[in-house]
Structures are given as structure tokens and as C-alpha cells.
C-alpha atoms as a PDB file:
ATOM      1  CA  MET A   1     -27.506-132.642   0.851  1.00  0.00           C
ATOM      2  CA  GLU A   2     -24.148-133.074  -0.885  1.00  0.00           C
ATOM      3  CA  PRO A   3     -24.790-133.892  -4.558  1.00  0.00           C
ATOM      4  CA  ILE A   4     -22.452-136.293  -6.348  1.00  0.00           C
ATOM      5  CA  LEU A   5     -21.708-136.456 -10.066  1.00  0.00           C
ATOM      6  CA  THR A   6     -22.112-140.091 -11.067  1.00  0.00           C
ATOM      7  CA  ILE A   7     -21.010-141.260 -14.532  1.00  0.00           C
ATOM      8  CA  ASP A   8     -21.558-144.528 -16.408  1.00  0.00           C
ATOM      9  CA  ILE A   9     -19.198-144.794 -19.381  1.00  0.00           C
ATOM     10  CA  GLY A  10     -20.466-147.163 -22.052  1.00  0.00           C
ATOM     11  CA  GLY A  11     -19.157-148.068 -25.483  1.00  0.00           C
ATOM     12  CA  THR A  12     -21.525-145.696 -27.292  1.00  0.00           C
ATOM     13  CA  ALA A  13     -22.663-143.204 -24.644  1.00  0.00           C
ATOM     14  CA  ILE A  14     -21.501-141.552 -21.441  1.00  0.00           C
ATOM     15  CA  LYS A  15     -24.501-141.383 -19.124  1.00  0.00           C
ATOM     16  CA  PHE A  16     -24.316-139.016 -16.187  1.00  0.00           C
ATOM     17  CA  GLY A  17     -26.430-137.817 -13.312  1.00  0.00           C
ATOM     18  CA  VAL A  18     -26.317-135.586 -10.284  1.00  0.00           C
ATOM     19  CA  ALA A  19     -27.750-137.460  -7.307  1.00  0.00           C
ATOM     20  CA  ASP A  20     -28.132-137.167  -3.559  1.00  0.00           C
ATOM     21  CA  GLU A  21     -27.299-139.838  -0.989  1.00  0.00           C
ATOM     22  CA  THR A  22     -30.736-141.479  -1.365  1.00  0.00           C
ATOM     23  CA  GLY A  23     -30.228-142.114  -5.080  1.00  0.00           C
ATOM     24  CA  ARG A  24     -32.596-139.354  -6.152  1.00  0.00           C
ATOM     25  CA  PHE A  25     -31.443-137.781  -9.398  1.00  0.00           C
ATOM     26  CA  LEU A  26     -31.475-134.015  -9.632  1.00  0.00           C
ATOM     27  CA  GLN A  27     -30.384-134.108 -13.265  1.00  0.00           C
ATOM     28  CA  LYS A  28     -29.558-136.755 -15.872  1.00  0.00           C
ATOM     29  CA  GLY A  29     -28.112-136.638 -19.359  1.00  0.00           C
ATOM     30  CA  SER A  30     -25.720-138.251 -21.822  1.00  0.00           C
ATOM     31  CA  LEU A  31     -23.146-137.533 -24.498  1.00  0.00           C
ATOM     32  CA  PRO A  32     -21.448-139.737 -27.112  1.00  0.00           C
ATOM     33  CA  THR A  33     -18.407-141.835 -26.229  1.00  0.00           C
ATOM     34  CA  ARG A  34     -15.834-140.676 -28.784  1.00  0.00           C
ATOM     35  CA  ILE A  35     -12.725-142.570 -27.713  1.00  0.00           C
ATOM     36  CA  ARG A  36     -12.638-144.973 -30.666  1.00  0.00           C
ATOM     37  CA  GLU A  37     -13.242-142.226 -33.224  1.00  0.00           C
ATOM     38  CA  LYS A  38     -11.313-139.327 -31.681  1.00  0.00           C
ATOM     39  CA  GLY A  39      -8.832-140.931 -29.275  1.00  0.00           C
ATOM     40  CA  VAL A  40      -8.050-140.716 -25.577  1.00  0.00           C
ATOM     41  CA  ASP A  41      -7.383-136.984 -25.428  1.00  0.00           C
ATOM     42  CA  ALA A  42     -10.782-136.119 -26.891  1.00  0.00           C
ATOM     43  CA  PHE A  43     -12.444-138.623 -24.565  1.00  0.00           C
ATOM     44  CA  LEU A  44     -10.808-137.080 -21.484  1.00  0.00           C
ATOM     45  CA  ALA A  45     -11.660-133.584 -22.736  1.00  0.00           C
ATOM     46  CA  ASP A  46     -15.313-134.644 -22.971  1.00  0.00           C
ATOM     47  CA  LEU A  47     -15.263-135.929 -19.387  1.00  0.00           C
ATOM     48  CA  LEU A  48     -13.657-132.763 -18.122  1.00  0.00           C
ATOM     49  CA  PHE A  49     -16.101-130.555 -20.023  1.00  0.00           C
ATOM     50  CA  LEU A  50     -18.977-132.552 -18.531  1.00  0.00           C
ATOM     51  CA  ALA A  51     -17.676-132.320 -14.968  1.00  0.00           C
ATOM     52  CA  ARG A  52     -17.023-128.582 -15.224  1.00  0.00           C
ATOM     53  CA  ARG A  53     -20.429-127.914 -16.742  1.00  0.00           C
ATOM     54  CA  VAL A  54     -22.202-129.875 -14.017  1.00  0.00           C
ATOM     55  CA  ARG A  55     -20.163-128.155 -11.304  1.00  0.00           C
ATOM     56  CA  LYS A  56     -21.365-124.761 -12.517  1.00  0.00           C
ATOM     57  CA  ALA A  57     -24.985-125.863 -11.988  1.00  0.00           C
ATOM     58  CA  PHE A  58     -24.643-127.967  -8.823  1.00  0.00           C
ATOM     59  CA  PRO A  59     -22.333-127.850  -5.792  1.00  0.00           C
ATOM     60  CA  ILE A  60     -21.034-131.385  -6.383  1.00  0.00           C
ATOM     61  CA  THR A  61     -18.683-132.741  -3.728  1.00  0.00           C
ATOM     62  CA  GLY A  62     -17.416-135.877  -5.457  1.00  0.00           C
ATOM     63  CA  ILE A  63     -17.386-137.979  -8.629  1.00  0.00           C
ATOM     64  CA  ALA A  64     -18.263-141.679  -8.965  1.00  0.00           C
ATOM     65  CA  VAL A  65     -17.558-143.514 -12.231  1.00  0.00           C
ATOM     66  CA  SER A  66     -18.749-146.851 -13.639  1.00  0.00           C
ATOM     67  CA  LEU A  67     -16.664-148.309 -16.487  1.00  0.00           C
ATOM     68  CA  ALA A  68     -16.253-151.657 -18.263  1.00  0.00           C
ATOM     69  CA  GLY A  69     -13.038-153.574 -17.683  1.00  0.00           C
ATOM     70  CA  VAL A  70     -10.993-154.996 -14.815  1.00  0.00           C
ATOM     71  CA  ILE A  71     -10.362-152.080 -12.453  1.00  0.00           C
ATOM     72  CA  ASN A  72      -8.281-151.753  -9.322  1.00  0.00           C
ATOM     73  CA  GLY A  73     -11.096-150.644  -7.064  1.00  0.00           C
ATOM     74  CA  ASP A  74      -8.686-149.020  -4.633  1.00  0.00           C
ATOM     75  CA  THR A  75      -6.846-146.763  -7.105  1.00  0.00           C
ATOM     76  CA  GLY A  76      -9.226-146.665 -10.060  1.00  0.00           C
ATOM     77  CA  GLU A  77      -6.483-147.943 -12.383  1.00  0.00           C
ATOM     78  CA  LEU A  78      -7.810-149.757 -15.448  1.00  0.00           C
ATOM     79  CA  LEU A  79      -5.908-153.065 -15.393  1.00  0.00           C
ATOM     80  CA  LEU A  80      -7.649-154.684 -18.355  1.00  0.00           C
ATOM     81  CA  PRO A  81      -9.736-152.308 -20.456  1.00  0.00           C
ATOM     82  CA  SER A  82     -12.739-153.306 -22.514  1.00  0.00           C
ATOM     83  CA  GLN A  83     -12.273-153.424 -26.279  1.00  0.00           C
ATOM     84  CA  TYR A  84     -14.463-150.320 -26.405  1.00  0.00           C
ATOM     85  CA  PHE A  85     -11.885-148.185 -24.585  1.00  0.00           C
ATOM     86  CA  PRO A  86      -8.588-148.405 -26.491  1.00  0.00           C
ATOM     87  CA  GLY A  87      -5.730-146.452 -24.977  1.00  0.00           C
ATOM     88  CA  LEU A  88      -6.946-146.469 -21.372  1.00  0.00           C
ATOM     89  CA  HIS A  89      -4.747-149.337 -20.160  1.00  0.00           C
ATOM     90  CA  ARG A  90      -3.206-148.455 -16.781  1.00  0.00           C
ATOM     91  CA  MET A  91      -4.985-145.103 -16.709  1.00  0.00           C
ATOM     92  CA  SER A  92      -6.744-143.988 -13.530  1.00  0.00           C
ATOM     93  CA  LEU A  93      -9.810-141.807 -13.984  1.00  0.00           C
ATOM     94  CA  VAL A  94      -9.702-141.307 -10.216  1.00  0.00           C
ATOM     95  CA  ASN A  95      -6.346-139.529 -10.512  1.00  0.00           C
ATOM     96  CA  PHE A  96      -7.581-137.647 -13.557  1.00  0.00           C
ATOM     97  CA  PHE A  97     -10.637-136.195 -11.817  1.00  0.00           C
ATOM     98  CA  GLN A  98      -8.821-135.499  -8.581  1.00  0.00           C
ATOM     99  CA  LYS A  99      -6.127-133.569 -10.446  1.00  0.00           C
ATOM    100  CA  GLU A 100      -8.407-131.682 -12.828  1.00  0.00           C
ATOM    101  CA  MET A 101     -11.386-131.058 -10.541  1.00  0.00           C
ATOM    102  CA  GLY A 102      -9.884-131.183  -7.055  1.00  0.00           C
ATOM    103  CA  LEU A 103     -12.661-133.519  -5.930  1.00  0.00           C
ATOM    104  CA  PRO A 104     -12.618-136.997  -4.372  1.00  0.00           C
ATOM    105  CA  ALA A 105     -13.445-139.677  -6.951  1.00  0.00           C
ATOM    106  CA  LEU A 106     -13.768-143.402  -7.458  1.00  0.00           C
ATOM    107  CA  CYS A 107     -13.977-145.706 -10.471  1.00  0.00           C
ATOM    108  CA  GLU A 108     -15.432-149.212 -10.432  1.00  0.00           C
ATOM    109  CA  ASN A 109     -16.291-151.957 -12.923  1.00  0.00           C
ATOM    110  CA  ASP A 110     -19.726-151.449 -14.484  1.00  0.00           C
ATOM    111  CA  ALA A 111     -21.041-154.940 -13.657  1.00  0.00           C
ATOM    112  CA  ASN A 112     -19.956-154.447 -10.030  1.00  0.00           C
ATOM    113  CA  CYS A 113     -21.822-151.144  -9.989  1.00  0.00           C
ATOM    114  CA  ALA A 114     -24.935-152.727 -11.492  1.00  0.00           C
ATOM    115  CA  ALA A 115     -24.859-155.405  -8.787  1.00  0.00           C
ATOM    116  CA  LEU A 116     -24.536-152.794  -6.033  1.00  0.00           C
ATOM    117  CA  ALA A 117     -27.483-150.870  -7.476  1.00  0.00           C
ATOM    118  CA  GLU A 118     -29.625-154.015  -7.379  1.00  0.00           C
ATOM    119  CA  TYR A 119     -28.500-154.776  -3.837  1.00  0.00           C
ATOM    120  CA  TRP A 120     -29.213-151.223  -2.696  1.00  0.00           C
ATOM    121  CA  GLN A 121     -32.599-150.548  -4.222  1.00  0.00           C
ATOM    122  CA  GLY A 122     -33.437-153.263  -6.734  1.00  0.00           C
ATOM    123  CA  ALA A 123     -34.063-156.967  -7.233  1.00  0.00           C
ATOM    124  CA  GLY A 124     -31.172-157.964  -4.953  1.00  0.00           C
ATOM    125  CA  LYS A 125     -32.204-155.806  -2.008  1.00  0.00           C
ATOM    126  CA  GLY A 126     -31.307-157.406   1.299  1.00  0.00           C
ATOM    127  CA  ALA A 127     -29.579-160.458  -0.219  1.00  0.00           C
ATOM    128  CA  HIS A 128     -26.935-162.241   1.863  1.00  0.00           C
ATOM    129  CA  MET A 129     -25.007-163.416  -1.211  1.00  0.00           C
ATOM    130  CA  LEU A 130     -26.000-161.779  -4.482  1.00  0.00           C
ATOM    131  CA  LEU A 131     -24.833-163.061  -7.852  1.00  0.00           C
ATOM    132  CA  CYS A 132     -25.567-160.488 -10.527  1.00  0.00           C
ATOM    133  CA  MET A 133     -24.997-161.070 -14.244  1.00  0.00           C
ATOM    134  CA  THR A 134     -25.328-158.787 -17.239  1.00  0.00           C
ATOM    135  CA  LEU A 135     -26.273-160.406 -20.535  1.00  0.00           C
ATOM    136  CA  GLY A 136     -25.662-158.321 -23.635  1.00  0.00           C
ATOM    137  CA  THR A 137     -22.836-157.833 -26.115  1.00  0.00           C
ATOM    138  CA  GLY A 138     -20.804-159.886 -23.645  1.00  0.00           C
ATOM    139  CA  ILE A 139     -21.491-161.444 -20.258  1.00  0.00           C
ATOM    140  CA  GLY A 140     -20.460-159.642 -17.093  1.00  0.00           C
ATOM    141  CA  GLY A 141     -20.876-160.579 -13.483  1.00  0.00           C
ATOM    142  CA  ALA A 142     -20.406-159.514  -9.906  1.00  0.00           C
ATOM    143  CA  LEU A 143     -20.699-160.869  -6.376  1.00  0.00           C
ATOM    144  CA  VAL A 144     -21.996-158.855  -3.448  1.00  0.00           C
ATOM    145  CA  HIS A 145     -21.713-160.381   0.026  1.00  0.00           C
ATOM    146  CA  GLU A 146     -23.691-158.577   2.728  1.00  0.00           C
ATOM    147  CA  GLY A 147     -23.514-155.309   0.840  1.00  0.00           C
ATOM    148  CA  ARG A 148     -19.824-155.474  -0.048  1.00  0.00           C
ATOM    149  CA  LEU A 149     -18.232-156.317  -3.376  1.00  0.00           C
ATOM    150  CA  CYS A 150     -16.154-159.480  -3.665  1.00  0.00           C
ATOM    151  CA  ARG A 151     -13.304-158.257  -5.893  1.00  0.00           C
ATOM    152  CA  GLY A 152     -10.782-161.066  -5.703  1.00  0.00           C
ATOM    153  CA  ALA A 153      -6.997-161.009  -5.557  1.00  0.00           C
ATOM    154  CA  SER A 154      -6.678-159.428  -9.031  1.00  0.00           C
ATOM    155  CA  TYR A 155      -9.907-157.398  -8.893  1.00  0.00           C
ATOM    156  CA  ALA A 156     -11.363-159.821 -11.465  1.00  0.00           C
ATOM    157  CA  ALA A 157     -13.878-161.742  -9.339  1.00  0.00           C
ATOM    158  CA  GLY A 158     -17.198-162.009 -11.124  1.00  0.00           C
ATOM    159  CA  GLU A 159     -15.799-161.850 -14.672  1.00  0.00           C
ATOM    160  CA  VAL A 160     -17.953-164.873 -15.418  1.00  0.00           C
ATOM    161  CA  GLY A 161     -18.060-164.305 -19.158  1.00  0.00           C
ATOM    162  CA  GLN A 162     -14.413-165.422 -19.368  1.00  0.00           C
ATOM    163  CA  ALA A 163     -15.139-168.802 -17.776  1.00  0.00           C
ATOM    164  CA  HIS A 164     -15.365-172.056 -19.739  1.00  0.00           C
ATOM    165  CA  PHE A 165     -18.351-174.199 -18.805  1.00  0.00           C
ATOM    166  CA  GLY A 166     -17.714-177.424 -20.720  1.00  0.00           C
ATOM    167  CA  SER A 167     -16.991-175.575 -23.953  1.00  0.00           C
ATOM    168  CA  PRO A 168     -13.704-174.599 -25.635  1.00  0.00           C
ATOM    169  CA  GLN A 169     -15.232-171.152 -26.061  1.00  0.00           C
ATOM    170  CA  THR A 170     -15.645-168.700 -23.228  1.00  0.00           C
ATOM    171  CA  TRP A 171     -19.166-168.511 -21.845  1.00  0.00           C
ATOM    172  CA  GLU A 172     -19.345-164.990 -23.261  1.00  0.00           C
ATOM    173  CA  ASN A 173     -18.538-166.083 -26.821  1.00  0.00           C
ATOM    174  CA  TRP A 174     -20.799-169.115 -26.583  1.00  0.00           C
ATOM    175  CA  ALA A 175     -23.827-167.636 -24.828  1.00  0.00           C
ATOM    176  CA  SER A 176     -23.898-163.846 -25.164  1.00  0.00           C
ATOM    177  CA  VAL A 177     -26.902-162.061 -26.580  1.00  0.00           C
ATOM    178  CA  SER A 178     -24.802-160.850 -29.498  1.00  0.00           C
ATOM    179  CA  ALA A 179     -23.972-164.499 -30.299  1.00  0.00           C
ATOM    180  CA  LEU A 180     -27.697-165.291 -30.179  1.00  0.00           C
ATOM    181  CA  PHE A 181     -28.532-162.567 -32.688  1.00  0.00           C
ATOM    182  CA  ALA A 182     -25.621-163.588 -34.927  1.00  0.00           C
ATOM    183  CA  GLU A 183     -26.954-167.155 -35.043  1.00  0.00           C
ATOM    184  CA  ALA A 184     -30.461-165.895 -35.823  1.00  0.00           C
ATOM    185  CA  GLU A 185     -29.042-163.846 -38.706  1.00  0.00           C
ATOM    186  CA  LYS A 186     -27.318-166.912 -40.139  1.00  0.00           C
ATOM    187  CA  LYS A 187     -30.520-168.924 -40.056  1.00  0.00           C
ATOM    188  CA  ARG A 188     -32.381-166.186 -41.954  1.00  0.00           C
ATOM    189  CA  ASN A 189     -29.456-165.440 -44.312  1.00  0.00           C
ATOM    190  CA  LEU A 190     -29.309-161.858 -43.073  1.00  0.00           C
ATOM    191  CA  ALA A 191     -26.301-159.576 -43.153  1.00  0.00           C
ATOM    192  CA  PRO A 192     -24.287-159.530 -39.887  1.00  0.00           C
ATOM    193  CA  GLY A 193     -25.529-156.826 -37.552  1.00  0.00           C
ATOM    194  CA  SER A 194     -28.808-156.326 -39.399  1.00  0.00           C
ATOM    195  CA  LEU A 195     -31.081-158.003 -36.816  1.00  0.00           C
ATOM    196  CA  THR A 196     -31.858-155.865 -33.785  1.00  0.00           C
ATOM    197  CA  GLY A 197     -32.944-157.154 -30.406  1.00  0.00           C
ATOM    198  CA  GLN A 198     -36.349-155.633 -30.992  1.00  0.00           C
ATOM    199  CA  ASP A 199     -36.622-157.526 -34.309  1.00  0.00           C
ATOM    200  CA  PHE A 200     -35.599-160.839 -32.755  1.00  0.00           C
ATOM    201  CA  PHE A 201     -37.995-160.704 -29.817  1.00  0.00           C
ATOM    202  CA  ALA A 202     -40.826-159.535 -32.048  1.00  0.00           C
ATOM    203  CA  LEU A 203     -40.328-162.743 -34.059  1.00  0.00           C
ATOM    204  CA  VAL A 204     -40.385-164.819 -30.866  1.00  0.00           C
ATOM    205  CA  GLU A 205     -43.539-163.057 -29.736  1.00  0.00           C
ATOM    206  CA  LYS A 206     -45.159-163.861 -33.093  1.00  0.00           C
ATOM    207  CA  GLY A 207     -44.376-167.527 -32.500  1.00  0.00           C
ATOM    208  CA  GLU A 208     -41.767-167.936 -35.233  1.00  0.00           C
ATOM    209  CA  GLU A 209     -40.391-171.444 -34.709  1.00  0.00           C
ATOM    210  CA  ALA A 210     -36.729-170.830 -35.597  1.00  0.00           C
ATOM    211  CA  GLU A 211     -36.349-167.863 -33.246  1.00  0.00           C
ATOM    212  CA  THR A 212     -38.322-169.521 -30.457  1.00  0.00           C
ATOM    213  CA  LEU A 213     -36.105-172.611 -30.595  1.00  0.00           C
ATOM    214  CA  LEU A 214     -32.999-170.441 -30.648  1.00  0.00           C
ATOM    215  CA  LEU A 215     -34.124-168.508 -27.574  1.00  0.00           C
ATOM    216  CA  ARG A 216     -34.775-171.766 -25.692  1.00  0.00           C
ATOM    217  CA  GLU A 217     -31.318-173.019 -26.663  1.00  0.00           C
ATOM    218  CA  TRP A 218     -29.690-169.811 -25.434  1.00  0.00           C
ATOM    219  CA  VAL A 219     -31.634-169.853 -22.170  1.00  0.00           C
ATOM    220  CA  ASP A 220     -30.232-173.348 -21.650  1.00  0.00           C
ATOM    221  CA  ARG A 221     -26.741-171.998 -22.387  1.00  0.00           C
ATOM    222  CA  TRP A 222     -27.246-169.274 -19.793  1.00  0.00           C
ATOM    223  CA  MET A 223     -28.446-171.850 -17.311  1.00  0.00           C
ATOM    224  CA  VAL A 224     -25.292-173.954 -17.763  1.00  0.00           C
ATOM    225  CA  GLY A 225     -23.302-171.061 -16.336  1.00  0.00           C
ATOM    226  CA  ILE A 226     -25.887-170.049 -13.762  1.00  0.00           C
ATOM    227  CA  VAL A 227     -26.077-173.543 -12.262  1.00  0.00           C
ATOM    228  CA  SER A 228     -22.277-173.890 -12.230  1.00  0.00           C
ATOM    229  CA  LEU A 229     -21.921-170.545 -10.475  1.00  0.00           C
ATOM    230  CA  ALA A 230     -24.693-171.398  -8.028  1.00  0.00           C
ATOM    231  CA  TRP A 231     -22.724-174.473  -6.937  1.00  0.00           C
ATOM    232  CA  ILE A 232     -19.582-172.374  -6.475  1.00  0.00           C
ATOM    233  CA  VAL A 233     -20.918-169.375  -4.527  1.00  0.00           C
ATOM    234  CA  ASN A 234     -24.305-170.707  -3.293  1.00  0.00           C
ATOM    235  CA  PRO A 235     -26.144-167.350  -3.640  1.00  0.00           C
ATOM    236  CA  ASP A 236     -29.543-166.698  -2.147  1.00  0.00           C
ATOM    237  CA  ARG A 237     -30.334-164.280  -4.980  1.00  0.00           C
ATOM    238  CA  ILE A 238     -29.436-164.397  -8.674  1.00  0.00           C
ATOM    239  CA  VAL A 239     -30.231-161.288 -10.704  1.00  0.00           C
ATOM    240  CA  ILE A 240     -29.891-161.035 -14.482  1.00  0.00           C
ATOM    241  CA  GLY A 241     -29.445-157.607 -15.984  1.00  0.00           C
ATOM    242  CA  GLY A 242     -28.173-156.059 -19.176  1.00  0.00           C
ATOM    243  CA  GLY A 243     -30.202-155.184 -22.246  1.00  0.00           C
ATOM    244  CA  ILE A 244     -31.941-158.554 -22.137  1.00  0.00           C
ATOM    245  CA  SER A 245     -33.755-157.636 -18.934  1.00  0.00           C
ATOM    246  CA  ALA A 246     -35.961-155.204 -20.876  1.00  0.00           C
ATOM    247  CA  GLN A 247     -37.751-158.278 -22.290  1.00  0.00           C
ATOM    248  CA  ARG A 248     -39.108-159.142 -18.847  1.00  0.00           C
ATOM    249  CA  LYS A 249     -42.593-160.283 -19.829  1.00  0.00           C
ATOM    250  CA  LEU A 250     -41.423-162.448 -22.716  1.00  0.00           C
ATOM    251  CA  LEU A 251     -38.238-163.819 -21.192  1.00  0.00           C
ATOM    252  CA  MET A 252     -39.145-164.674 -17.613  1.00  0.00           C
ATOM    253  CA  PRO A 253     -41.273-167.793 -18.403  1.00  0.00           C
ATOM    254  CA  TYR A 254     -38.360-169.294 -20.360  1.00  0.00           C
ATOM    255  CA  LEU A 255     -35.886-168.500 -17.603  1.00  0.00           C
ATOM    256  CA  LYS A 256     -38.118-169.833 -14.849  1.00  0.00           C
ATOM    257  CA  ALA A 257     -38.789-173.109 -16.688  1.00  0.00           C
ATOM    258  CA  ALA A 258     -35.076-173.699 -17.297  1.00  0.00           C
ATOM    259  CA  PHE A 259     -34.158-172.658 -13.751  1.00  0.00           C
ATOM    260  CA  ASP A 260     -36.708-175.044 -12.216  1.00  0.00           C
ATOM    261  CA  ALA A 261     -35.603-177.883 -14.483  1.00  0.00           C
ATOM    262  CA  LYS A 262     -31.835-177.548 -14.124  1.00  0.00           C
ATOM    263  CA  MET A 263     -31.129-176.155 -10.648  1.00  0.00           C
ATOM    264  CA  PRO A 264     -30.286-178.908  -8.130  1.00  0.00           C
ATOM    265  CA  ALA A 265     -32.988-179.570  -5.555  1.00  0.00           C
ATOM    266  CA  ILE A 266     -30.618-178.824  -2.682  1.00  0.00           C
ATOM    267  CA  LEU A 267     -30.124-175.253  -3.970  1.00  0.00           C
ATOM    268  CA  THR A 268     -33.562-174.209  -5.212  1.00  0.00           C
ATOM    269  CA  PRO A 269     -35.275-173.733  -1.810  1.00  0.00           C
ATOM    270  CA  HIS A 270     -32.724-171.082  -0.890  1.00  0.00           C
ATOM    271  CA  THR A 271     -32.005-169.455  -4.263  1.00  0.00           C
ATOM    272  CA  THR A 272     -34.247-167.161  -6.281  1.00  0.00           C
ATOM    273  CA  LEU A 273     -33.811-165.932  -9.840  1.00  0.00           C
ATOM    274  CA  SER A 274     -35.090-162.596 -11.094  1.00  0.00           C
ATOM    275  CA  LEU A 275     -34.460-159.975 -13.732  1.00  0.00           C
ATOM    276  CA  ALA A 276     -32.787-156.737 -12.761  1.00  0.00           C
ATOM    277  CA  HIS A 277     -34.891-153.806 -11.652  1.00  0.00           C
ATOM    278  CA  PHE A 278     -32.569-151.152 -13.057  1.00  0.00           C
ATOM    279  CA  GLN A 279     -31.375-150.768 -16.621  1.00  0.00           C
ATOM    280  CA  ASN A 280     -29.971-147.444 -17.802  1.00  0.00           C
ATOM    281  CA  ASP A 281     -29.405-146.080 -14.286  1.00  0.00           C
ATOM    282  CA  ALA A 282     -27.775-149.179 -12.787  1.00  0.00           C
ATOM    283  CA  GLY A 283     -24.140-148.162 -13.287  1.00  0.00           C
ATOM    284  CA  MET A 284     -24.700-144.654 -11.972  1.00  0.00           C
ATOM    285  CA  LEU A 285     -26.651-145.810  -8.911  1.00  0.00           C
ATOM    286  CA  GLY A 286     -24.146-148.516  -8.026  1.00  0.00           C
ATOM    287  CA  ALA A 287     -21.204-146.117  -8.284  1.00  0.00           C
ATOM    288  CA  LEU A 288     -23.114-143.676  -6.073  1.00  0.00           C
ATOM    289  CA  TYR A 289     -23.787-146.392  -3.478  1.00  0.00           C
ATOM    290  CA  LEU A 290     -20.114-147.360  -3.418  1.00  0.00           C
ATOM    291  CA  TYR A 291     -19.026-143.730  -3.096  1.00  0.00           C
ATOM    292  CA  HIS A 292     -21.168-143.206  -0.002  1.00  0.00           C
ATOM    293  CA  GLN A 293     -20.173-146.594   1.440  1.00  0.00           C
ATOM    294  CA  ARG A 294     -16.479-145.688   1.222  1.00  0.00           C
ATOM    295  CA  ARG A 295     -17.124-142.180   2.488  1.00  0.00           C
ATOM    296  CA  GLN A 296     -18.740-143.537   5.636  1.00  0.00           C
ATOM    297  CA  GLU A 297     -15.997-146.076   6.222  1.00  0.00           C
ATOM    298  CA  ALA A 298     -13.211-143.544   5.714  1.00  0.00           C
ATOM    299  CA  GLY A 299     -14.736-140.848   7.894  1.00  0.00           C
ATOM    300  CA  LYS A 300     -15.954-138.787   4.935  1.00  0.00           C
ATOM    301  CA  ARG A 301     -12.783-139.347   2.917  1.00  0.00           C
ATOM    302  CA  ILE A 302     -12.667-141.515  -0.223  1.00  0.00           C
END
């Protein structure tokens, strides 16, 4: 067994794990993401402290990183960083870890990693063409064809939240979960940011009319994009992840009804829709899968 340090860098937390080639975690943990408060140097110092601490406890042989933004999957260079990571433009965490730790490393977009995790061991397992979307603060996406990422000419394939589906707004601004909660706050005259996801779905579960109607409207907004994308890439599996997938029991009936009503008859016999299996571990598992995939293809060299 050659354990790998796998890291999923989010806007508020850096999740990490030490895992073997089967995806079994030997250790997991997290620390705060301090880049917006403390700057890039403090952020990099945190990553280096983490890697060195883990290396003292485990004989790690490589590092795999999941991160939001458009990333050159070959070099790990961050071509278009997320708003949550100011100062990282054109930086390569691959080069950083290789220089500081002397270990092979990779860095890949977090939605791409989530899709690979679902393909490997989750709701997309065995799919020929997998379309995976993450619904949350924004909308992310990824395509996996026969186990391999479709990155595109600019490494931006799957950035579905930036598309316009019949609206002057991007799909992300028009249909994200954060936009849903913001609209719910307006209707209840609440302060921006005061309504949590747990609060909103508790109101839906209680049968509150305003929130129930809003959720149905947003499911229809999601389906506008899903149907458009289904026509473009003709996937056999569509998986929806992100924070919204935690509401499986409540959400799935709404999704299924909209999917059955709006998907064209020619596509539905060959396309299934499901919620993601993984949540917090998706980025780490997908980065791990990609690390081992590249290692095999390169003869044990990243």
C-alpha cells in the first residue's frame, strides 16, 4: 500500500485525507481556509504545515488536490480562480508541493473531481457518458466519458454555471441554491444571509406554500439547464451533487417529476437522473482516482 495525501480546498475549509488505492481513508481531518483573511502566504504555509504533519505520521508517496476554478489539468496552473481564492491566479499548487515536499502531485477542478468520485464508486459508476453537476453557492459541472475527464481546449469543459439558457443571466446566477435562498429571504422580509438551507427545507417539509412554490420553480430552472445539456452531450447518467444532495428524501420527488415532464421522450429511455452518493469526500476521492489513473498511464510517474 502506498498512501496518498488527498486535499479538497473549499472556500471555508481545507478537507484532507490519507487514503490507499481503493479509496479507503486511513485518516481524515480539516482546517480553516484562511486565504481571504490572511493572504496567499498564510494559505500556502497552512498547506505546507498540513503536508509535513501528515508525512510524519504516514509514508505518503504523492499529493492529489481538488480546488475550485478553471485549472490546467496537465500543469496544475490555476487559469481562472474562484472568487474564494484571491491571489492564486496563475499559481500551480503542483509545482508548490513538488518543490516543497519532493513528491509527485496533481491539482484538478473540484467539480471534475466530484464527477470522477461518482464514476469510480458512486451514483455514476459504470456510466458511458456521465454528466455531473454541483448545485450550491454556484453551479459547477463536469463530463466523464468512459472514465476519463472531458476537459476541453481551455480546460473549461463542464463549467455549466456560466452558460446562458434563455436568460440574460448565467445559469449560476439565475438558478443556484444561493439565489433560491436569497429569493426566499425577500419573500419573508428577512435579512440577506439569515436563512440557512436547513431552515428553508424545514419550511418546505412543513408544507409552507411560499417555500414549496419556490422550490418547484427552482427545480424547473435546474431542469432548463439539465435538458439543454442532455441534448448536447446525450449522457446515460446525470448526477446532481453539492450541498443540495443532502436533501435526498425531500428533493428527489420534485426532481423526478420535473425530469419526467420535461425530458424529451427520445432521451429518457437511455438517461437516468440521480443525486450524488458522495458529499464531503467527493473532491478527495475524485482527486485520488485521477492520481492513480495518471500513475498507471505514466508508468508510475505523474
